[in-house]
């Protein structure tokens, strides 16, 4: 009976990141294009106040799964 050798958790870490970027590349590029366009077109998008507002809104989504 052959058993497959399971490697360390970190052995495939780089491969997983690369495959995730390849799979979701279009989404990431689209998001970056939208961010650049909004930064250029509006004065209030790339501000400290907007960034702190976004961080305040997503903290609940970050904290709940950790609990």
Foldseek 3Di string as FASTA:
>chain_A
DDDDDDDDPCPCVVVVVVVVCVVCVVVVVVVVVVLVVCVVPDPPCPDPVNVVVVVVVCPVVVPVVVD
